[in-house]
Full PDB file with SEQRES, HELIX, SHEET, SSBOND, CRYST1, ORIGX, SCALE, CONECT and MASTER records, all heavy atoms in Angstrom:
SEQRES   1 A   32  ASN ILE SER SER GLY ASN GLY PHE MET PHE ASP GLY ILE          
SEQRES   2 A   32  PRO SER ALA TYR ARG PRO PRO ILE TYR PRO LEU PHE LEU          
SEQRES   3 A   32  ALA SER ILE TYR TYR PHE                                      
HELIX    1 AA1 ILE A   21  TYR A   31  1                                  11    
CRYST1    1.000    1.000    1.000  90.00  90.00  90.00 P 1           1          
ORIGX1      1.000000  0.000000  0.000000        0.00000                         
ORIGX2      0.000000  1.000000  0.000000        0.00000                         
ORIGX3      0.000000  0.000000  1.000000        0.00000                         
SCALE1      1.000000  0.000000  0.000000        0.00000                         
SCALE2      0.000000  1.000000  0.000000        0.00000                         
SCALE3      0.000000  0.000000  1.000000        0.00000                         
ATOM      1  N   ASN A   1     -15.215   6.288   0.170  1.00  0.00           N  
ATOM      2  CA  ASN A   1     -14.883   7.091  -1.007  1.00  0.00           C  
ATOM      3  C   ASN A   1     -13.396   7.435  -1.033  1.00  0.00           C  
ATOM      4  O   ASN A   1     -12.754   7.398  -2.093  1.00  0.00           O  
ATOM      5  CB  ASN A   1     -15.718   8.373  -1.028  1.00  0.00           C  
ATOM      6  CG  ASN A   1     -17.127   8.139  -1.524  1.00  0.00           C  
ATOM      7  OD1 ASN A   1     -17.364   7.310  -2.397  1.00  0.00           O  
ATOM      8  ND2 ASN A   1     -18.089   8.855  -0.966  1.00  0.00           N  
ATOM      9  N   ILE A   2     -12.850   7.763   0.129  1.00  0.00           N  
ATOM     10  CA  ILE A   2     -11.423   8.086   0.195  1.00  0.00           C  
ATOM     11  C   ILE A   2     -10.586   6.862  -0.148  1.00  0.00           C  
ATOM     12  O   ILE A   2      -9.635   6.933  -0.953  1.00  0.00           O  
ATOM     13  CB  ILE A   2     -11.054   8.611   1.597  1.00  0.00           C  
ATOM     14  CG1 ILE A   2     -11.745   9.943   1.882  1.00  0.00           C  
ATOM     15  CG2 ILE A   2      -9.534   8.776   1.723  1.00  0.00           C  
ATOM     16  CD1 ILE A   2     -11.577  10.432   3.306  1.00  0.00           C  
ATOM     17  N   SER A   3     -10.914   5.711   0.460  1.00  0.00           N  
ATOM     18  CA  SER A   3     -10.110   4.502   0.249  1.00  0.00           C  
ATOM     19  C   SER A   3     -10.192   3.993  -1.182  1.00  0.00           C  
ATOM     20  O   SER A   3      -9.257   3.337  -1.664  1.00  0.00           O  
ATOM     21  CB  SER A   3     -10.561   3.410   1.220  1.00  0.00           C  
ATOM     22  OG  SER A   3     -11.900   3.027   0.974  1.00  0.00           O  
ATOM     23  N   SER A   4     -11.284   4.303  -1.863  1.00  0.00           N  
ATOM     24  CA  SER A   4     -11.436   3.859  -3.251  1.00  0.00           C  
ATOM     25  C   SER A   4     -10.918   4.880  -4.255  1.00  0.00           C  
ATOM     26  O   SER A   4     -11.005   4.673  -5.466  1.00  0.00           O  
ATOM     27  CB  SER A   4     -12.902   3.547  -3.545  1.00  0.00           C  
ATOM     28  OG  SER A   4     -13.713   4.696  -3.362  1.00  0.00           O  
ATOM     29  N   GLY A   5     -10.399   6.012  -3.759  1.00  0.00           N  
ATOM     30  CA  GLY A   5      -9.793   7.010  -4.631  1.00  0.00           C  
ATOM     31  C   GLY A   5     -10.741   8.058  -5.161  1.00  0.00           C  
ATOM     32  O   GLY A   5     -10.375   8.836  -6.051  1.00  0.00           O  
ATOM     33  N   ASN A   6     -11.948   8.136  -4.578  1.00  0.00           N  
ATOM     34  CA  ASN A   6     -12.929   9.121  -5.051  1.00  0.00           C  
ATOM     35  C   ASN A   6     -12.869  10.453  -4.312  1.00  0.00           C  
ATOM     36  O   ASN A   6     -13.606  11.377  -4.638  1.00  0.00           O  
ATOM     37  CB  ASN A   6     -14.342   8.539  -4.934  1.00  0.00           C  
ATOM     38  CG  ASN A   6     -14.537   7.341  -5.832  1.00  0.00           C  
ATOM     39  OD1 ASN A   6     -13.995   7.286  -6.936  1.00  0.00           O  
ATOM     40  ND2 ASN A   6     -15.291   6.351  -5.354  1.00  0.00           N  
ATOM     41  N   GLY A   7     -12.028  10.518  -3.292  1.00  0.00           N  
ATOM     42  CA  GLY A   7     -11.876  11.764  -2.559  1.00  0.00           C  
ATOM     43  C   GLY A   7     -12.852  11.893  -1.396  1.00  0.00           C  
ATOM     44  O   GLY A   7     -13.633  10.986  -1.094  1.00  0.00           O  
ATOM     45  N   PHE A   8     -12.802  13.054  -0.754  1.00  0.00           N  
ATOM     46  CA  PHE A   8     -13.631  13.331   0.417  1.00  0.00           C  
ATOM     47  C   PHE A   8     -15.028  13.718  -0.055  1.00  0.00           C  
ATOM     48  O   PHE A   8     -15.373  14.886  -0.178  1.00  0.00           O  
ATOM     49  CB  PHE A   8     -13.003  14.465   1.233  1.00  0.00           C  
ATOM     50  CG  PHE A   8     -13.388  14.474   2.683  1.00  0.00           C  
ATOM     51  CD1 PHE A   8     -12.591  13.834   3.620  1.00  0.00           C  
ATOM     52  CD2 PHE A   8     -14.543  15.102   3.114  1.00  0.00           C  
ATOM     53  CE1 PHE A   8     -12.931  13.840   4.966  1.00  0.00           C  
ATOM     54  CE2 PHE A   8     -14.889  15.113   4.450  1.00  0.00           C  
ATOM     55  CZ  PHE A   8     -14.082  14.473   5.375  1.00  0.00           C  
ATOM     56  N   MET A   9     -15.849  12.700  -0.314  1.00  0.00           N  
ATOM     57  CA  MET A   9     -17.165  12.917  -0.921  1.00  0.00           C  
ATOM     58  C   MET A   9     -18.264  12.286  -0.081  1.00  0.00           C  
ATOM     59  O   MET A   9     -18.070  11.247   0.555  1.00  0.00           O  
ATOM     60  CB  MET A   9     -17.200  12.347  -2.333  1.00  0.00           C  
ATOM     61  CG  MET A   9     -16.193  12.949  -3.283  1.00  0.00           C  
ATOM     62  SD  MET A   9     -16.350  12.275  -4.952  1.00  0.00           S  
ATOM     63  CE  MET A   9     -17.932  12.949  -5.451  1.00  0.00           C  
ATOM     64  N   PHE A  10     -19.425  12.945  -0.118  1.00  0.00           N  
ATOM     65  CA  PHE A  10     -20.619  12.411   0.538  1.00  0.00           C  
ATOM     66  C   PHE A  10     -21.823  12.692  -0.358  1.00  0.00           C  
ATOM     67  O   PHE A  10     -21.978  13.809  -0.863  1.00  0.00           O  
ATOM     68  CB  PHE A  10     -20.821  13.063   1.913  1.00  0.00           C  
ATOM     69  CG  PHE A  10     -22.075  12.622   2.607  1.00  0.00           C  
ATOM     70  CD1 PHE A  10     -22.197  11.332   3.091  1.00  0.00           C  
ATOM     71  CD2 PHE A  10     -23.144  13.493   2.765  1.00  0.00           C  
ATOM     72  CE1 PHE A  10     -23.356  10.911   3.725  1.00  0.00           C  
ATOM     73  CE2 PHE A  10     -24.301  13.089   3.399  1.00  0.00           C  
ATOM     74  CZ  PHE A  10     -24.406  11.783   3.877  1.00  0.00           C  
ATOM     75  N   ASP A  11     -22.635  11.666  -0.563  1.00  0.00           N  
ATOM     76  CA  ASP A  11     -23.791  11.778  -1.464  1.00  0.00           C  
ATOM     77  C   ASP A  11     -23.368  12.148  -2.888  1.00  0.00           C  
ATOM     78  O   ASP A  11     -24.070  12.888  -3.586  1.00  0.00           O  
ATOM     79  CB  ASP A  11     -24.804  12.802  -0.937  1.00  0.00           C  
ATOM     80  CG  ASP A  11     -25.830  12.152  -0.018  1.00  0.00           C  
ATOM     81  OD1 ASP A  11     -25.891  10.902   0.025  1.00  0.00           O  
ATOM     82  OD2 ASP A  11     -26.558  12.888   0.668  1.00  0.00           O  
ATOM     83  N   GLY A  12     -22.171  11.685  -3.272  1.00  0.00           N  
ATOM     84  CA  GLY A  12     -21.721  11.886  -4.632  1.00  0.00           C  
ATOM     85  C   GLY A  12     -21.102  13.226  -4.933  1.00  0.00           C  
ATOM     86  O   GLY A  12     -20.730  13.499  -6.079  1.00  0.00           O  
ATOM     87  N   ILE A  13     -20.967  14.094  -3.920  1.00  0.00           N  
ATOM     88  CA  ILE A  13     -20.369  15.420  -4.146  1.00  0.00           C  
ATOM     89  C   ILE A  13     -19.303  15.682  -3.089  1.00  0.00           C  
ATOM     90  O   ILE A  13     -19.382  15.155  -1.968  1.00  0.00           O  
ATOM     91  CB  ILE A  13     -21.436  16.542  -4.102  1.00  0.00           C  
ATOM     92  CG1 ILE A  13     -22.156  16.535  -2.748  1.00  0.00           C  
ATOM     93  CG2 ILE A  13     -22.423  16.399  -5.237  1.00  0.00           C  
ATOM     94  CD1 ILE A  13     -23.118  17.704  -2.571  1.00  0.00           C  
ATOM     95  N   PRO A  14     -18.276  16.482  -3.424  1.00  0.00           N  
ATOM     96  CA  PRO A  14     -17.262  16.843  -2.416  1.00  0.00           C  
ATOM     97  C   PRO A  14     -17.919  17.539  -1.224  1.00  0.00           C  
ATOM     98  O   PRO A  14     -18.811  18.370  -1.390  1.00  0.00           O  
ATOM     99  CB  PRO A  14     -16.337  17.799  -3.174  1.00  0.00           C  
ATOM    100  CG  PRO A  14     -16.516  17.440  -4.609  1.00  0.00           C  
ATOM    101  CD  PRO A  14     -17.964  17.043  -4.746  1.00  0.00           C  
ATOM    102  N   SER A  15     -17.478  17.192  -0.032  1.00  0.00           N  
ATOM    103  CA  SER A  15     -18.120  17.725   1.167  1.00  0.00           C  
ATOM    104  C   SER A  15     -17.091  17.994   2.254  1.00  0.00           C  
ATOM    105  O   SER A  15     -16.154  17.218   2.442  1.00  0.00           O  
ATOM    106  CB  SER A  15     -19.171  16.744   1.698  1.00  0.00           C  
ATOM    107  OG  SER A  15     -19.684  17.165   2.944  1.00  0.00           O  
ATOM    108  N   ALA A  16     -17.278  19.113   2.941  1.00  0.00           N  
ATOM    109  CA  ALA A  16     -16.454  19.435   4.106  1.00  0.00           C  
ATOM    110  C   ALA A  16     -17.324  19.483   5.355  1.00  0.00           C  
ATOM    111  O   ALA A  16     -16.966  20.098   6.360  1.00  0.00           O  
ATOM    112  CB  ALA A  16     -15.752  20.771   3.907  1.00  0.00           C  
ATOM    113  N   TYR A  17     -18.453  18.800   5.303  1.00  0.00           N  
ATOM    114  CA  TYR A  17     -19.415  18.849   6.409  1.00  0.00           C  
ATOM    115  C   TYR A  17     -18.866  18.122   7.633  1.00  0.00           C  
ATOM    116  O   TYR A  17     -19.122  18.522   8.767  1.00  0.00           O  
ATOM    117  CB  TYR A  17     -20.740  18.223   5.966  1.00  0.00           C  
ATOM    118  CG  TYR A  17     -21.813  18.236   7.027  1.00  0.00           C  
ATOM    119  CD1 TYR A  17     -22.375  19.441   7.453  1.00  0.00           C  
ATOM    120  CD2 TYR A  17     -22.255  17.057   7.616  1.00  0.00           C  
ATOM    121  CE1 TYR A  17     -23.347  19.459   8.429  1.00  0.00           C  
ATOM    122  CE2 TYR A  17     -23.235  17.058   8.599  1.00  0.00           C  
ATOM    123  CZ  TYR A  17     -23.777  18.270   8.994  1.00  0.00           C  
ATOM    124  OH  TYR A  17     -24.742  18.281   9.972  1.00  0.00           O  
ATOM    125  N   ARG A  18     -18.129  17.041   7.424  1.00  0.00           N  
ATOM    126  CA  ARG A  18     -17.561  16.272   8.519  1.00  0.00           C  
ATOM    127  C   ARG A  18     -16.070  16.551   8.674  1.00  0.00           C  
ATOM    128  O   ARG A  18     -15.359  16.691   7.686  1.00  0.00           O  
ATOM    129  CB  ARG A  18     -17.767  14.770   8.281  1.00  0.00           C  
ATOM    130  CG  ARG A  18     -19.212  14.335   8.327  1.00  0.00           C  
ATOM    131  CD  ARG A  18     -19.785  14.506   9.716  1.00  0.00           C  
ATOM    132  NE  ARG A  18     -21.198  14.159   9.768  1.00  0.00           N  
ATOM    133  CZ  ARG A  18     -21.962  14.316  10.853  1.00  0.00           C  
ATOM    134  NH1 ARG A  18     -21.432  14.810  11.952  1.00  0.00           N  
ATOM    135  NH2 ARG A  18     -23.236  13.988  10.820  1.00  0.00           N  
ATOM    136  N   PRO A  19     -15.578  16.640   9.919  1.00  0.00           N  
ATOM    137  CA  PRO A  19     -14.133  16.795  10.124  1.00  0.00           C  
ATOM    138  C   PRO A  19     -13.379  15.603   9.527  1.00  0.00           C  
ATOM    139  O   PRO A  19     -13.893  14.484   9.516  1.00  0.00           O  
ATOM    140  CB  PRO A  19     -13.993  16.827  11.657  1.00  0.00           C  
ATOM    141  CG  PRO A  19     -15.342  17.221  12.161  1.00  0.00           C  
ATOM    142  CD  PRO A  19     -16.327  16.649  11.192  1.00  0.00           C  
ATOM    143  N   PRO A  20     -12.162  15.806   9.063  1.00  0.00           N  
ATOM    144  CA  PRO A  20     -11.511  14.776   8.228  1.00  0.00           C  
ATOM    145  C   PRO A  20     -10.801  13.649   8.953  1.00  0.00           C  
ATOM    146  O   PRO A  20     -10.609  12.575   8.362  1.00  0.00           O  
ATOM    147  CB  PRO A  20     -10.488  15.603   7.434  1.00  0.00           C  
ATOM    148  CG  PRO A  20     -10.142  16.735   8.340  1.00  0.00           C  
ATOM    149  CD  PRO A  20     -11.413  17.073   9.058  1.00  0.00           C  
ATOM    150  N   ILE A  21     -10.389  13.824  10.199  1.00  0.00           N  
ATOM    151  CA  ILE A  21      -9.477  12.856  10.813  1.00  0.00           C  
ATOM    152  C   ILE A  21     -10.101  11.471  10.973  1.00  0.00           C  
ATOM    153  O   ILE A  21      -9.490  10.457  10.617  1.00  0.00           O  
ATOM    154  CB  ILE A  21      -8.968  13.363  12.180  1.00  0.00           C  
ATOM    155  CG1 ILE A  21      -8.095  14.603  11.982  1.00  0.00           C  
ATOM    156  CG2 ILE A  21      -8.177  12.280  12.901  1.00  0.00           C  
ATOM    157  CD1 ILE A  21      -6.870  14.366  11.135  1.00  0.00           C  
ATOM    158  N   TYR A  22     -11.330  11.408  11.473  1.00  0.00           N  
ATOM    159  CA  TYR A  22     -11.927  10.082  11.682  1.00  0.00           C  
ATOM    160  C   TYR A  22     -12.227   9.373  10.354  1.00  0.00           C  
ATOM    161  O   TYR A  22     -11.940   8.171  10.234  1.00  0.00           O  
ATOM    162  CB  TYR A  22     -13.183  10.171  12.546  1.00  0.00           C  
ATOM    163  CG  TYR A  22     -13.717   8.814  12.939  1.00  0.00           C  
ATOM    164  CD1 TYR A  22     -12.995   8.000  13.807  1.00  0.00           C  
ATOM    165  CD2 TYR A  22     -14.922   8.340  12.429  1.00  0.00           C  
ATOM    166  CE1 TYR A  22     -13.460   6.742  14.167  1.00  0.00           C  
ATOM    167  CE2 TYR A  22     -15.393   7.082  12.779  1.00  0.00           C  
ATOM    168  CZ  TYR A  22     -14.655   6.288  13.649  1.00  0.00           C  
ATOM    169  OH  TYR A  22     -15.120   5.043  13.996  1.00  0.00           O  
ATOM    170  N   PRO A  23     -12.783  10.054   9.345  1.00  0.00           N  
ATOM    171  CA  PRO A  23     -12.927   9.381   8.052  1.00  0.00           C  
ATOM    172  C   PRO A  23     -11.592   8.894   7.475  1.00  0.00           C  
ATOM    173  O   PRO A  23     -11.526   7.824   6.869  1.00  0.00           O  
ATOM    174  CB  PRO A  23     -13.564  10.456   7.162  1.00  0.00           C  
ATOM    175  CG  PRO A  23     -14.318  11.318   8.104  1.00  0.00           C  
ATOM    176  CD  PRO A  23     -13.465  11.356   9.343  1.00  0.00           C  
ATOM    177  N   LEU A  24     -10.526   9.671   7.674  1.00  0.00           N  
ATOM    178  CA  LEU A  24      -9.207   9.245   7.208  1.00  0.00           C  
ATOM    179  C   LEU A  24      -8.715   8.019   7.983  1.00  0.00           C  
ATOM    180  O   LEU A  24      -8.072   7.126   7.413  1.00  0.00           O  
ATOM    181  CB  LEU A  24      -8.199  10.383   7.348  1.00  0.00           C  
ATOM    182  CG  LEU A  24      -8.360  11.546   6.361  1.00  0.00           C  
ATOM    183  CD1 LEU A  24      -7.451  12.706   6.750  1.00  0.00           C  
ATOM    184  CD2 LEU A  24      -8.068  11.089   4.938  1.00  0.00           C  
ATOM    185  N   PHE A  25      -9.024   7.981   9.266  1.00  0.00           N  
ATOM    186  CA  PHE A  25      -8.691   6.819  10.091  1.00  0.00           C  
ATOM    187  C   PHE A  25      -9.395   5.570   9.563  1.00  0.00           C  
ATOM    188  O   PHE A  25      -8.778   4.518   9.365  1.00  0.00           O  
ATOM    189  CB  PHE A  25      -9.084   7.100  11.540  1.00  0.00           C  
ATOM    190  CG  PHE A  25      -9.102   5.889  12.429  1.00  0.00           C  
ATOM    191  CD1 PHE A  25      -7.923   5.308  12.869  1.00  0.00           C  
ATOM    192  CD2 PHE A  25     -10.314   5.342  12.842  1.00  0.00           C  
ATOM    193  CE1 PHE A  25      -7.943   4.187  13.696  1.00  0.00           C  
ATOM    194  CE2 PHE A  25     -10.345   4.228  13.672  1.00  0.00           C  
ATOM    195  CZ  PHE A  25      -9.156   3.649  14.097  1.00  0.00           C  
ATOM    196  N   LEU A  26     -10.700   5.685   9.301  1.00  0.00           N  
ATOM    197  CA  LEU A  26     -11.453   4.567   8.751  1.00  0.00           C  
ATOM    198  C   LEU A  26     -10.957   4.194   7.355  1.00  0.00           C  
ATOM    199  O   LEU A  26     -10.829   3.007   7.020  1.00  0.00           O  
ATOM    200  CB  LEU A  26     -12.942   4.905   8.693  1.00  0.00           C  
ATOM    201  CG  LEU A  26     -13.696   5.057  10.017  1.00  0.00           C  
ATOM    202  CD1 LEU A  26     -15.150   5.418   9.746  1.00  0.00           C  
ATOM    203  CD2 LEU A  26     -13.619   3.785  10.845  1.00  0.00           C  
ATOM    204  N   ALA A  27     -10.669   5.209   6.542  1.00  0.00           N  
ATOM    205  CA  ALA A  27     -10.217   4.965   5.176  1.00  0.00           C  
ATOM    206  C   ALA A  27      -8.902   4.189   5.149  1.00  0.00           C  
ATOM    207  O   ALA A  27      -8.703   3.320   4.284  1.00  0.00           O  
ATOM    208  CB  ALA A  27     -10.065   6.288   4.430  1.00  0.00           C  
ATOM    209  N   SER A  28      -8.006   4.497   6.079  1.00  0.00           N  
ATOM    210  CA  SER A  28      -6.732   3.784   6.123  1.00  0.00           C  
ATOM    211  C   SER A  28      -6.947   2.306   6.460  1.00  0.00           C  
ATOM    212  O   SER A  28      -6.252   1.432   5.930  1.00  0.00           O  
ATOM    213  CB  SER A  28      -5.796   4.428   7.150  1.00  0.00           C  
ATOM    214  OG  SER A  28      -6.333   4.344   8.459  1.00  0.00           O  
ATOM    215  N   ILE A  29      -7.922   2.026   7.326  1.00  0.00           N  
ATOM    216  CA  ILE A  29      -8.235   0.631   7.661  1.00  0.00           C  
ATOM    217  C   ILE A  29      -8.841  -0.075   6.445  1.00  0.00           C  
ATOM    218  O   ILE A  29      -8.468  -1.210   6.111  1.00  0.00           O  
ATOM    219  CB  ILE A  29      -9.192   0.559   8.865  1.00  0.00           C  
ATOM    220  CG1 ILE A  29      -8.504   1.119  10.118  1.00  0.00           C  
ATOM    221  CG2 ILE A  29      -9.657  -0.876   9.103  1.00  0.00           C  
ATOM    222  CD1 ILE A  29      -9.390   1.194  11.335  1.00  0.00           C  
ATOM    223  N   TYR A  30      -9.786   0.602   5.781  1.00  0.00           N  
ATOM    224  CA  TYR A  30     -10.388   0.021   4.578  1.00  0.00           C  
ATOM    225  C   TYR A  30      -9.330  -0.237   3.499  1.00  0.00           C  
ATOM    226  O   TYR A  30      -9.365  -1.260   2.809  1.00  0.00           O  
ATOM    227  CB  TYR A  30     -11.466   0.952   4.028  1.00  0.00           C  
ATOM    228  CG  TYR A  30     -12.718   1.030   4.867  1.00  0.00           C  
ATOM    229  CD1 TYR A  30     -13.395   2.240   5.006  1.00  0.00           C  
ATOM    230  CD2 TYR A  30     -13.237  -0.080   5.511  1.00  0.00           C  
ATOM    231  CE1 TYR A  30     -14.547   2.328   5.770  1.00  0.00           C  
ATOM    232  CE2 TYR A  30     -14.384  -0.001   6.268  1.00  0.00           C  
ATOM    233  CZ  TYR A  30     -15.040   1.204   6.402  1.00  0.00           C  
ATOM    234  OH  TYR A  30     -16.183   1.278   7.158  1.00  0.00           O  
ATOM    235  N   TYR A  31      -8.396   0.694   3.366  1.00  0.00           N  
ATOM    236  CA  TYR A  31      -7.396   0.594   2.300  1.00  0.00           C  
ATOM    237  C   TYR A  31      -6.437  -0.580   2.545  1.00  0.00           C  
ATOM    238  O   TYR A  31      -6.120  -1.337   1.622  1.00  0.00           O  
ATOM    239  CB  TYR A  31      -6.606   1.896   2.211  1.00  0.00           C  
ATOM    240  CG  TYR A  31      -5.569   1.920   1.121  1.00  0.00           C  
ATOM    241  CD1 TYR A  31      -5.928   2.169  -0.202  1.00  0.00           C  
ATOM    242  CD2 TYR A  31      -4.226   1.670   1.412  1.00  0.00           C  
ATOM    243  CE1 TYR A  31      -4.972   2.180  -1.210  1.00  0.00           C  
ATOM    244  CE2 TYR A  31      -3.265   1.680   0.416  1.00  0.00           C  
ATOM    245  CZ  TYR A  31      -3.647   1.940  -0.897  1.00  0.00           C  
ATOM    246  OH  TYR A  31      -2.700   1.941  -1.891  1.00  0.00           O  
ATOM    247  N   PHE A  32      -5.977  -0.736   3.780  1.00  0.00           N  
ATOM    248  CA  PHE A  32      -4.968  -1.761   4.067  1.00  0.00           C  
ATOM    249  C   PHE A  32      -5.568  -3.121   4.420  1.00  0.00           C  
ATOM    250  O   PHE A  32      -4.930  -4.156   4.176  1.00  0.00           O  
ATOM    251  CB  PHE A  32      -4.058  -1.298   5.209  1.00  0.00           C  
ATOM    252  CG  PHE A  32      -3.120  -0.190   4.836  1.00  0.00           C  
ATOM    253  CD1 PHE A  32      -3.344   1.104   5.272  1.00  0.00           C  
ATOM    254  CD2 PHE A  32      -2.022  -0.439   4.026  1.00  0.00           C  
ATOM    255  CE1 PHE A  32      -2.479   2.133   4.923  1.00  0.00           C  
ATOM    256  CE2 PHE A  32      -1.143   0.582   3.670  1.00  0.00           C  
ATOM    257  CZ  PHE A  32      -1.380   1.875   4.118  1.00  0.00           C  
TER     258      PHE A  32                                                      
MASTER        0    0    0    1    0    0    0    6  257    1    0    3          
END                                                                             
């Protein structure tokens, strides 16, 4: 969701349930 520009979302809604660093790490790989 982050890499596609939809933001920090899970199950279609914004979520802060998971810490952000690892999803951001994965998102950067997906993006590039």
